[in-house]
C-alpha atoms as a PDB file:
ATOM      1  CA  MET A   1      25.809 -28.789 -34.987  1.00  0.00           C
ATOM      2  CA  ASN A   2      26.752 -31.766 -32.839  1.00  0.00           C
ATOM      3  CA  THR A   3      28.572 -31.539 -29.499  1.00  0.00           C
ATOM      4  CA  SER A   4      31.924 -32.555 -30.976  1.00  0.00           C
ATOM      5  CA  ASN A   5      31.852 -29.807 -33.632  1.00  0.00           C
ATOM      6  CA  LEU A   6      30.721 -27.251 -31.052  1.00  0.00           C
ATOM      7  CA  PHE A   7      33.637 -28.204 -28.780  1.00  0.00           C
ATOM      8  CA  VAL A   8      36.102 -27.872 -31.671  1.00  0.00           C
ATOM      9  CA  SER A   9      34.642 -24.493 -32.684  1.00  0.00           C
ATOM     10  CA  VAL A  10      34.761 -23.140 -29.143  1.00  0.00           C
ATOM     11  CA  SER A  11      38.309 -24.471 -28.680  1.00  0.00           C
ATOM     12  CA  LEU A  12      39.483 -22.836 -31.903  1.00  0.00           C
ATOM     13  CA  LEU A  13      37.884 -19.523 -30.915  1.00  0.00           C
ATOM     14  CA  PHE A  14      39.583 -19.702 -27.514  1.00  0.00           C
ATOM     15  CA  ILE A  15      42.979 -20.418 -29.091  1.00  0.00           C
ATOM     16  CA  LEU A  16      42.490 -17.606 -31.626  1.00  0.00           C
ATOM     17  CA  ALA A  17      41.522 -15.158 -28.861  1.00  0.00           C
ATOM     18  CA  LEU A  18      44.558 -16.220 -26.813  1.00  0.00           C
ATOM     19  CA  LEU A  19      46.852 -15.706 -29.811  1.00  0.00           C
ATOM     20  CA  LEU A  20      45.383 -12.278 -30.531  1.00  0.00           C
ATOM     21  CA  ILE A  21      45.838 -11.234 -26.906  1.00  0.00           C
ATOM     22  CA  THR A  22      49.405 -12.526 -26.856  1.00  0.00           C
ATOM     23  CA  ILE A  23      50.390 -11.017 -30.202  1.00  0.00           C
ATOM     24  CA  GLY A  24      48.536  -7.784 -29.461  1.00  0.00           C
ATOM     25  CA  CYS A  25      50.803  -7.031 -26.501  1.00  0.00           C
ATOM     26  CA  ILE A  26      53.993  -7.245 -28.534  1.00  0.00           C
ATOM     27  CA  ARG A  27      53.827  -4.013 -30.457  1.00  0.00           C
ATOM     28  CA  ILE A  28      55.435  -0.600 -30.553  1.00  0.00           C
ATOM     29  CA  PRO A  29      53.321   2.454 -29.707  1.00  0.00           C
ATOM     30  CA  GLU A  30      52.807   5.111 -32.370  1.00  0.00           C
ATOM     31  CA  ASN A  31      55.792   7.478 -32.855  1.00  0.00           C
ATOM     32  CA  VAL A  32      58.051   5.293 -30.682  1.00  0.00           C
ATOM     33  CA  LYS A  33      61.252   3.812 -32.094  1.00  0.00           C
ATOM     34  CA  PRO A  34      63.438   1.316 -30.260  1.00  0.00           C
ATOM     35  CA  VAL A  35      67.119   2.204 -29.979  1.00  0.00           C
ATOM     36  CA  ASP A  36      69.541   0.619 -32.430  1.00  0.00           C
ATOM     37  CA  HIS A  37      73.119  -0.464 -31.717  1.00  0.00           C
ATOM     38  CA  PHE A  38      71.932  -2.073 -28.472  1.00  0.00           C
ATOM     39  CA  VAL A  39      74.500  -4.239 -26.654  1.00  0.00           C
ATOM     40  CA  LEU A  40      72.824  -6.689 -24.282  1.00  0.00           C
ATOM     41  CA  GLU A  41      75.969  -7.429 -22.279  1.00  0.00           C
ATOM     42  CA  LYS A  42      76.234  -3.743 -21.330  1.00  0.00           C
ATOM     43  CA  TYR A  43      72.542  -3.646 -20.308  1.00  0.00           C
ATOM     44  CA  LEU A  44      72.736  -6.631 -17.945  1.00  0.00           C
ATOM     45  CA  GLY A  45      72.887  -6.020 -14.206  1.00  0.00           C
ATOM     46  CA  VAL A  46      70.917  -3.887 -11.760  1.00  0.00           C
ATOM     47  CA  TRP A  47      68.835  -0.869 -12.772  1.00  0.00           C
ATOM     48  CA  TYR A  48      67.061   1.461 -10.338  1.00  0.00           C
ATOM     49  CA  GLU A  49      63.615   2.729 -11.169  1.00  0.00           C
ATOM     50  CA  ILE A  50      63.724   6.523 -11.094  1.00  0.00           C
ATOM     51  CA  ALA A  51      60.152   7.132 -12.273  1.00  0.00           C
ATOM     52  CA  ARG A  52      57.186   5.221 -13.700  1.00  0.00           C
ATOM     53  CA  LEU A  53      53.617   5.516 -14.790  1.00  0.00           C
ATOM     54  CA  ASP A  54      51.377   3.826 -12.228  1.00  0.00           C
ATOM     55  CA  HIS A  55      50.213   0.223 -12.625  1.00  0.00           C
ATOM     56  CA  SER A  56      48.662  -2.235 -10.213  1.00  0.00           C
ATOM     57  CA  PHE A  57      51.676  -4.567 -10.283  1.00  0.00           C
ATOM     58  CA  GLU A  58      53.957  -1.827  -8.860  1.00  0.00           C
ATOM     59  CA  ARG A  59      51.451   0.252  -6.922  1.00  0.00           C
ATOM     60  CA  GLY A  60      52.789   1.376  -3.541  1.00  0.00           C
ATOM     61  CA  LEU A  61      56.290   0.022  -4.111  1.00  0.00           C
ATOM     62  CA  SER A  62      59.469   1.929  -3.319  1.00  0.00           C
ATOM     63  CA  LYS A  63      63.134   0.948  -3.710  1.00  0.00           C
ATOM     64  CA  VAL A  64      62.249  -0.667  -7.041  1.00  0.00           C
ATOM     65  CA  THR A  65      64.976  -2.380  -9.052  1.00  0.00           C
ATOM     66  CA  ALA A  66      65.138  -4.484 -12.185  1.00  0.00           C
ATOM     67  CA  THR A  67      67.971  -6.982 -12.535  1.00  0.00           C
ATOM     68  CA  TYR A  68      68.795  -8.540 -15.892  1.00  0.00           C
ATOM     69  CA  SER A  69      70.980 -11.607 -16.422  1.00  0.00           C
ATOM     70  CA  LEU A  70      71.471 -14.233 -19.122  1.00  0.00           C
ATOM     71  CA  ARG A  71      69.356 -17.390 -19.194  1.00  0.00           C
ATOM     72  CA  ASP A  72      70.649 -20.761 -20.333  1.00  0.00           C
ATOM     73  CA  ASP A  73      68.266 -20.703 -23.328  1.00  0.00           C
ATOM     74  CA  GLY A  74      69.774 -17.469 -24.675  1.00  0.00           C
ATOM     75  CA  GLY A  75      67.042 -15.281 -23.234  1.00  0.00           C
ATOM     76  CA  ILE A  76      67.219 -12.792 -20.400  1.00  0.00           C
ATOM     77  CA  LYS A  77      66.208 -13.419 -16.806  1.00  0.00           C
ATOM     78  CA  VAL A  78      64.313 -10.428 -15.401  1.00  0.00           C
ATOM     79  CA  VAL A  79      63.883  -9.929 -11.649  1.00  0.00           C
ATOM     80  CA  ASN A  80      61.796  -6.941 -10.581  1.00  0.00           C
ATOM     81  CA  ARG A  81      61.889  -6.133  -6.885  1.00  0.00           C
ATOM     82  CA  GLY A  82      60.330  -3.448  -4.710  1.00  0.00           C
ATOM     83  CA  PHE A  83      59.460  -2.726  -1.092  1.00  0.00           C
ATOM     84  CA  SER A  84      55.867  -2.355   0.086  1.00  0.00           C
ATOM     85  CA  VAL A  85      55.774   0.008   3.065  1.00  0.00           C
ATOM     86  CA  LYS A  86      52.109  -0.858   3.628  1.00  0.00           C
ATOM     87  CA  GLU A  87      52.888  -4.573   3.983  1.00  0.00           C
ATOM     88  CA  ASN A  88      56.414  -4.034   5.337  1.00  0.00           C
ATOM     89  CA  SER A  89      57.767  -6.625   2.920  1.00  0.00           C
ATOM     90  CA  TRP A  90      59.674  -7.042  -0.311  1.00  0.00           C
ATOM     91  CA  LYS A  91      57.775  -8.028  -3.464  1.00  0.00           C
ATOM     92  CA  GLU A  92      59.555  -9.811  -6.275  1.00  0.00           C
ATOM     93  CA  ALA A  93      58.566 -11.040  -9.724  1.00  0.00           C
ATOM     94  CA  GLU A  94      60.746 -13.139 -12.002  1.00  0.00           C
ATOM     95  CA  GLY A  95      60.267 -13.155 -15.730  1.00  0.00           C
ATOM     96  CA  LYS A  96      62.002 -13.829 -18.998  1.00  0.00           C
ATOM     97  CA  ALA A  97      62.668 -11.699 -22.053  1.00  0.00           C
ATOM     98  CA  TYR A  98      63.678 -12.307 -25.662  1.00  0.00           C
ATOM     99  CA  PHE A  99      64.504 -10.081 -28.604  1.00  0.00           C
ATOM    100  CA  VAL A 100      61.573  -9.554 -30.962  1.00  0.00           C
ATOM    101  CA  GLN A 101      63.464  -8.703 -34.147  1.00  0.00           C
ATOM    102  CA  LYS A 102      67.219  -8.116 -33.939  1.00  0.00           C
ATOM    103  CA  SER A 103      69.599  -8.608 -31.013  1.00  0.00           C
ATOM    104  CA  ASP A 104      71.076  -5.146 -31.518  1.00  0.00           C
ATOM    105  CA  GLN A 105      67.707  -3.393 -31.276  1.00  0.00           C
ATOM    106  CA  GLY A 106      66.102  -2.401 -27.965  1.00  0.00           C
ATOM    107  CA  PHE A 107      62.822  -4.194 -28.712  1.00  0.00           C
ATOM    108  CA  LEU A 108      62.139  -7.197 -26.506  1.00  0.00           C
ATOM    109  CA  LYS A 109      59.169  -9.206 -25.351  1.00  0.00           C
ATOM    110  CA  VAL A 110      58.918  -9.967 -21.644  1.00  0.00           C
ATOM    111  CA  SER A 111      56.766 -12.439 -19.737  1.00  0.00           C
ATOM    112  CA  PHE A 112      55.998 -12.787 -16.062  1.00  0.00           C
ATOM    113  CA  PHE A 113      52.906 -14.947 -16.622  1.00  0.00           C
ATOM    114  CA  GLY A 114      53.463 -18.107 -18.628  1.00  0.00           C
ATOM    115  CA  PRO A 115      52.880 -17.739 -22.356  1.00  0.00           C
ATOM    116  CA  PHE A 116      51.769 -14.085 -22.179  1.00  0.00           C
ATOM    117  CA  TYR A 117      54.313 -11.540 -23.401  1.00  0.00           C
ATOM    118  CA  GLY A 118      54.346  -7.770 -23.479  1.00  0.00           C
ATOM    119  CA  SER A 119      56.615  -5.317 -25.236  1.00  0.00           C
ATOM    120  CA  TYR A 120      59.724  -3.930 -23.547  1.00  0.00           C
ATOM    121  CA  ILE A 121      60.990  -1.097 -25.710  1.00  0.00           C
ATOM    122  CA  ILE A 122      64.121   0.881 -24.920  1.00  0.00           C
ATOM    123  CA  VAL A 123      63.366   4.320 -26.345  1.00  0.00           C
ATOM    124  CA  GLU A 124      66.392   6.252 -25.099  1.00  0.00           C
ATOM    125  CA  LEU A 125      69.703   4.939 -23.812  1.00  0.00           C
ATOM    126  CA  ASP A 126      73.106   6.172 -22.731  1.00  0.00           C
ATOM    127  CA  HIS A 127      74.910   4.266 -25.498  1.00  0.00           C
ATOM    128  CA  LYS A 128      78.354   5.045 -24.116  1.00  0.00           C
ATOM    129  CA  ASP A 129      78.110   3.851 -20.508  1.00  0.00           C
ATOM    130  CA  TYR A 130      74.561   2.445 -20.203  1.00  0.00           C
ATOM    131  CA  HIS A 131      73.873   4.664 -17.162  1.00  0.00           C
ATOM    132  CA  TYR A 132      70.248   5.522 -17.994  1.00  0.00           C
ATOM    133  CA  ALA A 133      67.361   4.242 -20.098  1.00  0.00           C
ATOM    134  CA  LEU A 134      63.854   5.320 -21.016  1.00  0.00           C
ATOM    135  CA  VAL A 135      61.637   2.259 -21.469  1.00  0.00           C
ATOM    136  CA  CYS A 136      58.025   1.778 -22.507  1.00  0.00           C
ATOM    137  CA  GLY A 137      55.584  -1.062 -23.024  1.00  0.00           C
ATOM    138  CA  PRO A 138      53.096  -1.922 -25.785  1.00  0.00           C
ATOM    139  CA  ASN A 139      51.143   1.309 -25.338  1.00  0.00           C
ATOM    140  CA  LYS A 140      51.627   4.750 -23.856  1.00  0.00           C
ATOM    141  CA  SER A 141      50.352   3.824 -20.395  1.00  0.00           C
ATOM    142  CA  TYR A 142      53.629   2.014 -19.620  1.00  0.00           C
ATOM    143  CA  LEU A 143      56.759   4.100 -19.060  1.00  0.00           C
ATOM    144  CA  TRP A 144      59.855   3.830 -16.888  1.00  0.00           C
ATOM    145  CA  ILE A 145      62.972   5.899 -16.346  1.00  0.00           C
ATOM    146  CA  LEU A 146      65.794   3.589 -15.227  1.00  0.00           C
ATOM    147  CA  ALA A 147      69.325   4.315 -14.072  1.00  0.00           C
ATOM    148  CA  ARG A 148      72.341   2.523 -12.669  1.00  0.00           C
ATOM    149  CA  THR A 149      72.184   4.744  -9.597  1.00  0.00           C
ATOM    150  CA  GLN A 150      69.303   5.549  -7.237  1.00  0.00           C
ATOM    151  CA  GLU A 151      69.267   9.174  -8.379  1.00  0.00           C
ATOM    152  CA  ILE A 152      70.112  11.002 -11.574  1.00  0.00           C
ATOM    153  CA  GLN A 153      70.957  14.620 -12.281  1.00  0.00           C
ATOM    154  CA  LYS A 154      67.973  16.929 -12.550  1.00  0.00           C
ATOM    155  CA  GLU A 155      68.929  17.992 -16.087  1.00  0.00           C
ATOM    156  CA  LEU A 156      69.042  14.376 -17.287  1.00  0.00           C
ATOM    157  CA  LYS A 157      65.740  13.547 -15.599  1.00  0.00           C
ATOM    158  CA  ASN A 158      64.100  16.596 -17.193  1.00  0.00           C
ATOM    159  CA  SER A 159      65.541  15.674 -20.593  1.00  0.00           C
ATOM    160  CA  LEU A 160      64.126  12.116 -20.395  1.00  0.00           C
ATOM    161  CA  ILE A 161      60.752  13.429 -19.240  1.00  0.00           C
ATOM    162  CA  GLU A 162      60.716  15.901 -22.138  1.00  0.00           C
ATOM    163  CA  LYS A 163      61.552  13.118 -24.627  1.00  0.00           C
ATOM    164  CA  ALA A 164      58.711  10.979 -23.235  1.00  0.00           C
ATOM    165  CA  SER A 165      56.315  13.919 -23.400  1.00  0.00           C
ATOM    166  CA  GLN A 166      57.236  14.598 -27.043  1.00  0.00           C
ATOM    167  CA  LEU A 167      56.462  10.936 -27.806  1.00  0.00           C
ATOM    168  CA  GLY A 168      52.970  11.332 -26.356  1.00  0.00           C
ATOM    169  CA  PHE A 169      53.345   9.875 -22.851  1.00  0.00           C
ATOM    170  CA  ASN A 170      51.416  11.578 -20.035  1.00  0.00           C
ATOM    171  CA  THR A 171      54.450  12.593 -18.008  1.00  0.00           C
ATOM    172  CA  SER A 172      52.346  14.628 -15.576  1.00  0.00           C
ATOM    173  CA  GLN A 173      51.308  11.261 -14.116  1.00  0.00           C
ATOM    174  CA  LEU A 174      54.865  10.032 -13.429  1.00  0.00           C
ATOM    175  CA  ILE A 175      55.565   8.630  -9.981  1.00  0.00           C
ATOM    176  CA  PHE A 176      59.078   9.313  -8.720  1.00  0.00           C
ATOM    177  CA  VAL A 177      60.388   6.350  -6.760  1.00  0.00           C
ATOM    178  CA  ASP A 178      61.801   6.676  -3.251  1.00  0.00           C
ATOM    179  CA  HIS A 179      64.999   4.717  -2.655  1.00  0.00           C
END
């Protein structure tokens, strides 16, 4: 095999691996179903993180919010923000999101790092007022409880935790966010 063919083969393998990684992160975990009858305009605005499963990109953050607004290209601008007590500073990440299948289904793909997307699946939602949401990622190690207020009623929190537990999420590992 000459150098040119080797370069082409390696390049194609790299592109294939990149596609598999990218596509592999846009999936729905087993037994999880995105909400239907989703209305984006009602979802836009500020959401407070009530609880989450731990991940390096949010580790040690308090006062965490997610703000959603429309982008000029029809997508959604996502701004995640939290305070690091350890560093005494605010951390912020800006991303973009797009619907994966239908615009009235709570199944989106979100990217904070160039061409790499991950699933953003709204599993439970207050369809009337959009006051709370239960959201997961491409697998069961990503889970968030979001609300329009910094705190929610204990009964509602317990109900969302129970729903997540029934879906197979390890809710004993939830971190409850200080605001």
